[in-house]
């Protein structure tokens, strides 16, 4: 059996660290990854790391050489405040990285390119969105990041379906709202779950919560997402788009109540601040295709996932 060379971009990031940790347990892969400027991150034993700038095409060509599979985890990402106040940070850098990596992978003869997209590509609707519901009618606050991700998805389709010779298999993955170990917990960049965990663990009183707490979203623990990615790496050999999420909606209030219970901090007061930036008020995601295609079935309950994340945060002193 030929050992496959796999490149996971963004090896210093949330998805990258968790994915490399899981893949490193397999003897079928030789693993490579990159980081840009970050040198203080969890390095996985057995992974060959490059320092490279994916906005530079020549750097992308160097790291794609001799690779069989590329998983594009690298991205400029952030929480609600950055997305609302400075949305352009998501535009040009991410487009350059995605275009460069697709071009370099294609030139290198990469067999499979897995692109981590986003559920921001879906319109603001009340029902659970399926893969075919993606459109160019984005929620207003997602306009920039939605266009960036959707444009990048179209690039993936071009390499798989719109050229005549030497097509490259591409798979587009649209995650739910992921959370878990190695996420960003700092105040400037953290998303809702790590932000709430940090505030409760610090015993901020009252606990400041952005919005009214009624936003309904789909949250998926990172291990379940990584399990799905591993299935895609091993079994999917054709162009497709897949929602990988929990398939369940939960409000921010429900999340907060579980965190308070785990931390035995139910006595803390809560300050819902509707003047602060928030994102889409309702996002439900249909995972029927992933269930049929991958036999995907999330295993980690919300309570268990939050408990694991809190334990990791506290043991790693991420204050």
Protein backbone atom coordinates (compact mmCIF):
# COMPACT_ATOMS: atom_id res chain seq x y z
CA UNK A 1 0.00 0.00 0.00
CA UNK A 2 1.42 3.34 -1.09
CA UNK A 3 1.85 5.82 1.74
CA UNK A 4 0.13 9.05 0.76
CA UNK A 5 1.72 12.45 1.20
CA UNK A 6 -0.85 14.76 2.78
CA UNK A 7 -0.44 18.51 3.16
CA UNK A 8 -2.61 20.21 5.77
CA UNK A 9 -2.30 23.98 5.40
CA UNK A 10 -2.79 26.13 8.48
CA UNK A 11 -1.08 23.66 10.79
CA UNK A 12 -0.94 26.20 13.61
CA UNK A 13 -4.71 26.75 13.56
CA UNK A 14 -7.71 25.21 15.27
CA UNK A 15 -8.73 22.74 12.56
CA UNK A 16 -5.19 22.08 11.41
CA UNK A 17 -3.86 21.02 14.83
CA UNK A 18 -6.81 18.73 15.51
CA UNK A 19 -6.71 17.17 12.04
CA UNK A 20 -2.95 16.53 12.14
CA UNK A 21 -3.28 15.02 15.60
CA UNK A 22 -5.84 12.50 14.31
CA UNK A 23 -4.06 11.70 11.03
CA UNK A 24 -0.74 11.20 12.81
CA UNK A 25 -2.14 8.03 14.36
CA UNK A 26 -2.36 6.39 10.92
CA UNK A 27 0.56 4.65 9.21
CA UNK A 28 -1.02 5.28 5.79
CA UNK A 29 0.01 8.94 5.61
CA UNK A 30 3.16 11.01 5.57
CA UNK A 31 2.12 14.38 6.91
CA UNK A 32 3.23 17.88 6.01
CA UNK A 33 1.95 21.24 7.17
CA UNK A 34 2.73 24.92 7.13
CA UNK A 35 2.48 27.98 9.30
CA UNK A 36 3.05 31.61 8.36
CA UNK A 37 4.25 33.74 11.26
CA UNK A 38 3.10 31.73 14.27
CA UNK A 39 5.90 29.70 15.84
CA UNK A 40 4.35 29.07 19.27
CA UNK A 41 1.75 26.42 18.54
CA UNK A 42 1.12 22.74 19.20
CA UNK A 43 3.38 20.80 16.83
CA UNK A 44 2.33 17.22 16.22
CA UNK A 45 5.03 14.56 16.38
CA UNK A 46 5.90 13.12 12.98
CA UNK A 47 4.61 16.07 10.97
CA UNK A 48 7.02 17.89 8.65
CA UNK A 49 6.40 21.64 9.03
CA UNK A 50 7.19 24.42 6.56
CA UNK A 51 7.13 28.12 7.21
CA UNK A 52 5.48 29.67 4.17
CA UNK A 53 3.25 32.50 3.02
CA UNK A 54 0.29 31.15 1.06
CA UNK A 55 -0.28 34.58 -0.47
CA UNK A 56 2.94 33.92 -2.36
CA UNK A 57 2.41 31.53 -5.29
CA UNK A 58 6.02 30.30 -5.28
CA UNK A 59 5.71 29.29 -1.62
CA UNK A 60 2.55 27.36 -2.49
CA UNK A 61 4.32 25.60 -5.34
CA UNK A 62 7.13 24.53 -3.03
CA UNK A 63 4.88 22.98 -0.41
CA UNK A 64 2.57 21.27 -2.94
CA UNK A 65 5.42 19.42 -4.65
CA UNK A 66 5.00 15.62 -4.42
CA UNK A 67 1.75 15.89 -2.45
CA UNK A 68 -1.10 13.45 -3.08
CA UNK A 69 -3.78 15.20 -1.03
CA UNK A 70 -4.13 18.81 0.12
CA UNK A 71 -6.53 19.91 2.86
CA UNK A 72 -6.97 23.68 2.78
CA UNK A 73 -7.48 24.63 6.42
CA UNK A 74 -5.52 27.90 6.30
CA UNK A 75 -7.67 31.03 6.49
CA UNK A 76 -7.91 34.43 8.08
CA UNK A 77 -10.82 33.96 10.49
CA UNK A 78 -12.31 35.91 13.37
CA UNK A 79 -15.29 36.55 15.57
CA UNK A 80 -18.28 38.84 15.21
CA UNK A 81 -16.52 42.08 16.11
CA UNK A 82 -13.82 41.80 13.44
CA UNK A 83 -16.29 40.53 10.85
CA UNK A 84 -18.53 43.55 11.43
CA UNK A 85 -15.92 46.30 11.86
CA UNK A 86 -13.14 45.24 9.47
CA UNK A 87 -14.62 42.67 7.07
CA UNK A 88 -11.97 43.27 4.40
CA UNK A 89 -9.47 41.23 6.43
CA UNK A 90 -11.41 38.21 5.14
CA UNK A 91 -11.35 39.24 1.50
CA UNK A 92 -8.08 39.67 -0.38
CA UNK A 93 -5.78 37.54 1.83
CA UNK A 94 -8.13 34.54 1.76
CA UNK A 95 -8.83 34.81 -1.96
CA UNK A 96 -5.12 35.01 -2.74
CA UNK A 97 -4.38 31.98 -0.55
CA UNK A 98 -7.21 29.90 -2.01
CA UNK A 99 -6.42 30.75 -5.63
CA UNK A 100 -2.69 30.18 -5.16
CA UNK A 101 -3.09 26.86 -3.40
CA UNK A 102 -5.54 25.52 -5.98
CA UNK A 103 -3.22 26.56 -8.83
CA UNK A 104 -0.12 25.13 -7.16
CA UNK A 105 -1.87 21.87 -6.28
CA UNK A 106 -3.14 21.47 -9.83
CA UNK A 107 0.31 22.11 -11.30
CA UNK A 108 1.81 19.57 -8.90
CA UNK A 109 -0.64 16.87 -9.93
CA UNK A 110 -2.35 16.64 -6.54
CA UNK A 111 -4.98 13.90 -6.62
CA UNK A 112 -7.45 15.42 -4.18
CA UNK A 113 -7.97 18.96 -2.85
CA UNK A 114 -10.29 19.39 0.15
CA UNK A 115 -11.44 22.96 0.71
CA UNK A 116 -12.82 24.01 4.09
CA UNK A 117 -15.55 26.50 3.25
CA UNK A 118 -18.23 27.99 5.52
CA UNK A 119 -21.98 28.03 6.19
CA UNK A 120 -21.88 31.80 5.50
CA UNK A 121 -22.50 30.90 1.83
CA UNK A 122 -26.17 30.21 2.64
CA UNK A 123 -28.94 32.83 2.61
CA UNK A 124 -30.80 33.97 5.72
CA UNK A 125 -33.69 31.46 5.88
CA UNK A 126 -35.77 29.76 8.57
CA UNK A 127 -35.29 26.18 7.35
CA UNK A 128 -32.31 23.81 7.57
CA UNK A 129 -30.11 24.54 4.59
CA UNK A 130 -29.01 21.80 2.20
CA UNK A 131 -25.95 21.92 -0.02
CA UNK A 132 -27.96 23.07 -3.05
CA UNK A 133 -29.37 26.05 -1.11
CA UNK A 134 -26.13 28.04 -1.37
CA UNK A 135 -26.72 31.23 -3.33
CA UNK A 136 -25.35 34.71 -3.74
CA UNK A 137 -28.04 36.16 -1.48
CA UNK A 138 -25.94 36.47 1.66
CA UNK A 139 -26.88 37.68 5.12
CA UNK A 140 -25.72 41.31 5.07
CA UNK A 141 -23.02 40.93 7.75
CA UNK A 142 -21.71 37.87 5.88
CA UNK A 143 -21.60 39.68 2.53
CA UNK A 144 -17.79 39.88 2.32
CA UNK A 145 -16.87 36.51 3.82
CA UNK A 146 -19.80 34.82 2.06
CA UNK A 147 -18.70 36.09 -1.34
CA UNK A 148 -15.09 35.14 -0.62
CA UNK A 149 -16.00 31.58 0.35
CA UNK A 150 -18.51 31.14 -2.48
CA UNK A 151 -16.05 32.48 -5.06
CA UNK A 152 -13.45 30.03 -3.72
CA UNK A 153 -15.98 27.20 -3.96
CA UNK A 154 -16.56 28.04 -7.63
CA UNK A 155 -12.80 27.83 -8.19
CA UNK A 156 -12.88 24.32 -6.71
CA UNK A 157 -15.67 23.35 -9.11
CA UNK A 158 -13.68 24.71 -12.06
CA UNK A 159 -10.73 22.43 -11.34
CA UNK A 160 -12.99 19.40 -10.98
CA UNK A 161 -15.64 19.95 -13.64
CA UNK A 162 -14.94 22.85 -15.99
CA UNK A 163 -11.61 21.89 -17.58
CA UNK A 164 -11.19 19.10 -20.14
CA UNK A 165 -7.78 17.64 -19.28
CA UNK A 166 -6.11 16.57 -16.05
CA UNK A 167 -9.01 17.43 -13.80
CA UNK A 168 -8.27 17.64 -10.08
CA UNK A 169 -10.75 16.10 -7.64
CA UNK A 170 -11.98 18.79 -5.27
CA UNK A 171 -14.30 18.44 -2.30
CA UNK A 172 -15.99 21.42 -0.64
CA UNK A 173 -16.76 21.06 3.06
CA UNK A 174 -19.14 23.46 4.79
CA UNK A 175 -18.80 23.11 8.57
CA UNK A 176 -21.24 24.06 11.25
CA UNK A 177 -19.97 26.30 14.06
CA UNK A 178 -16.99 24.29 15.30
CA UNK A 179 -15.65 24.41 18.84
CA UNK A 180 -13.17 22.51 20.98
CA UNK A 181 -9.50 22.36 22.05
CA UNK A 182 -7.00 24.69 20.33
CA UNK A 183 -9.71 27.18 19.37
CA UNK A 184 -9.04 30.91 19.77
CA UNK A 185 -9.91 32.08 23.28
CA UNK A 186 -8.45 35.58 23.21
CA UNK A 187 -10.97 38.44 23.52
CA UNK A 188 -10.26 39.94 20.09
CA UNK A 189 -10.55 36.84 17.90
CA UNK A 190 -12.66 34.34 19.83
CA UNK A 191 -16.05 33.18 18.58
CA UNK A 192 -19.07 32.70 20.77
CA UNK A 193 -18.35 29.43 22.62
CA UNK A 194 -14.70 30.09 23.54
CA UNK A 195 -15.65 33.63 24.46
CA UNK A 196 -18.38 32.46 26.84
CA UNK A 197 -16.14 29.77 28.33
CA UNK A 198 -13.40 32.30 29.06
CA UNK A 199 -15.82 34.74 30.71
CA UNK A 200 -17.42 32.09 32.93
CA UNK A 201 -14.12 30.46 33.91
CA UNK A 202 -12.82 33.92 34.84
CA UNK A 203 -16.01 34.39 36.89
CA UNK A 204 -16.82 37.69 35.25
CA UNK A 205 -19.90 38.96 37.06
CA UNK A 206 -22.07 39.84 35.37
CA UNK A 207 -21.12 37.68 32.39
CA UNK A 208 -21.28 39.95 29.31
CA UNK A 209 -23.11 38.30 26.40
CA UNK A 210 -23.35 39.96 23.02
CA UNK A 211 -26.93 40.07 21.77
CA UNK A 212 -30.08 38.80 23.45
CA UNK A 213 -28.96 35.17 23.64
CA UNK A 214 -31.71 33.93 21.33
CA UNK A 215 -29.56 33.41 18.22
CA UNK A 216 -30.07 29.84 16.99
CA UNK A 217 -27.04 28.08 15.53
CA UNK A 218 -25.57 24.67 14.74
CA UNK A 219 -22.55 23.78 16.91
CA UNK A 220 -20.31 20.76 16.25
CA UNK A 221 -17.51 19.47 18.44
CA UNK A 222 -14.19 19.41 16.57
CA UNK A 223 -13.59 15.65 16.98
CA UNK A 224 -16.78 14.84 15.08
CA UNK A 225 -15.71 17.20 12.31
CA UNK A 226 -12.25 15.65 12.12
CA UNK A 227 -13.76 12.15 11.92
CA UNK A 228 -15.80 13.30 8.91
CA UNK A 229 -12.71 14.81 7.27
CA UNK A 230 -10.86 11.53 7.70
CA UNK A 231 -13.71 9.71 5.97
CA UNK A 232 -13.55 12.21 3.11
CA UNK A 233 -9.78 11.72 2.80
CA UNK A 234 -10.14 7.96 2.66
CA UNK A 235 -13.34 7.44 0.72
CA UNK A 236 -14.40 10.43 -1.43
CA UNK A 237 -12.83 10.51 -4.88
CA UNK A 238 -15.16 12.79 -6.82
CA UNK A 239 -16.26 16.41 -6.73
CA UNK A 240 -18.92 17.03 -4.13
CA UNK A 241 -20.11 19.55 -1.55
CA UNK A 242 -20.88 18.39 1.99
CA UNK A 243 -22.39 20.01 5.07
CA UNK A 244 -20.59 18.69 8.15
CA UNK A 245 -22.53 19.88 11.20
CA UNK A 246 -24.58 18.56 14.11
CA UNK A 247 -27.93 18.93 12.37
CA UNK A 248 -29.38 20.48 15.54
CA UNK A 249 -30.14 24.06 16.47
CA UNK A 250 -29.26 25.49 19.88
CA UNK A 251 -29.50 29.01 21.27
CA UNK A 252 -26.69 31.00 22.84
CA UNK A 253 -28.69 31.01 26.09
CA UNK A 254 -28.73 27.21 26.08
CA UNK A 255 -24.99 27.10 25.50
CA UNK A 256 -24.39 29.55 28.34
CA UNK A 257 -26.61 27.62 30.74
CA UNK A 258 -24.67 24.40 30.07
CA UNK A 259 -21.34 26.17 30.62
CA UNK A 260 -22.61 27.68 33.88
CA UNK A 261 -23.78 24.26 35.06
CA UNK A 262 -20.47 22.55 34.20
CA UNK A 263 -18.57 25.29 36.02
CA UNK A 264 -21.02 25.27 38.95
CA UNK A 265 -21.40 29.00 38.41
CA UNK A 266 -25.18 29.32 38.13
CA UNK A 267 -25.05 32.19 40.63
CA UNK A 268 -23.35 34.50 38.13
CA UNK A 269 -25.50 37.26 36.71
CA UNK A 270 -25.86 37.60 32.94
CA UNK A 271 -25.78 40.87 31.04
CA UNK A 272 -27.26 40.53 27.55
CA UNK A 273 -25.95 43.49 25.56
CA UNK A 274 -27.89 44.04 22.33
CA UNK A 275 -25.68 46.97 21.37
CA UNK A 276 -22.71 44.67 20.66
CA UNK A 277 -22.00 43.00 17.30
CA UNK A 278 -23.83 39.77 16.56
CA UNK A 279 -24.19 37.63 13.47
CA UNK A 280 -27.05 35.79 11.75
CA UNK A 281 -29.96 35.19 14.18
CA UNK A 282 -30.81 31.73 12.83
CA UNK A 283 -28.74 29.10 11.05
CA UNK A 284 -29.91 25.50 10.81
CA UNK A 285 -27.97 22.99 8.71
CA UNK A 286 -29.21 19.82 7.01
CA UNK A 287 -26.67 16.95 7.18
CA UNK A 288 -28.69 14.31 5.31
CA UNK A 289 -26.19 14.17 2.44
CA UNK A 290 -23.22 13.58 4.79
CA UNK A 291 -25.16 10.85 6.59
CA UNK A 292 -25.85 9.08 3.29
CA UNK A 293 -22.48 9.79 1.69
CA UNK A 294 -20.17 9.16 4.65
CA UNK A 295 -22.42 7.42 7.16
CA UNK A 296 -21.72 10.53 9.23
CA UNK A 297 -23.33 10.66 12.64
CA UNK A 298 -22.00 13.07 15.29
CA UNK A 299 -21.09 11.21 18.48
CA UNK A 300 -20.20 13.95 20.97
CA UNK A 301 -23.14 15.57 22.74
CA UNK A 302 -23.15 19.31 23.36
CA UNK A 303 -22.73 18.76 27.09
CA UNK A 304 -19.79 16.42 26.61
CA UNK A 305 -18.15 18.64 24.00
CA UNK A 306 -18.42 21.73 26.19
CA UNK A 307 -17.09 19.82 29.20
CA UNK A 308 -14.06 18.64 27.22
CA UNK A 309 -13.43 22.12 25.87
CA UNK A 310 -13.63 23.73 29.30
CA UNK A 311 -11.25 21.14 30.75
CA UNK A 312 -8.76 21.72 27.94
CA UNK A 313 -8.98 25.49 28.32
CA UNK A 314 -8.39 25.39 32.06
CA UNK A 315 -5.54 22.87 31.87
CA UNK A 316 -3.79 24.90 29.16
CA UNK A 317 -4.07 28.17 31.07
CA UNK A 318 -5.50 30.00 28.06
CA UNK A 319 -6.53 33.09 29.90
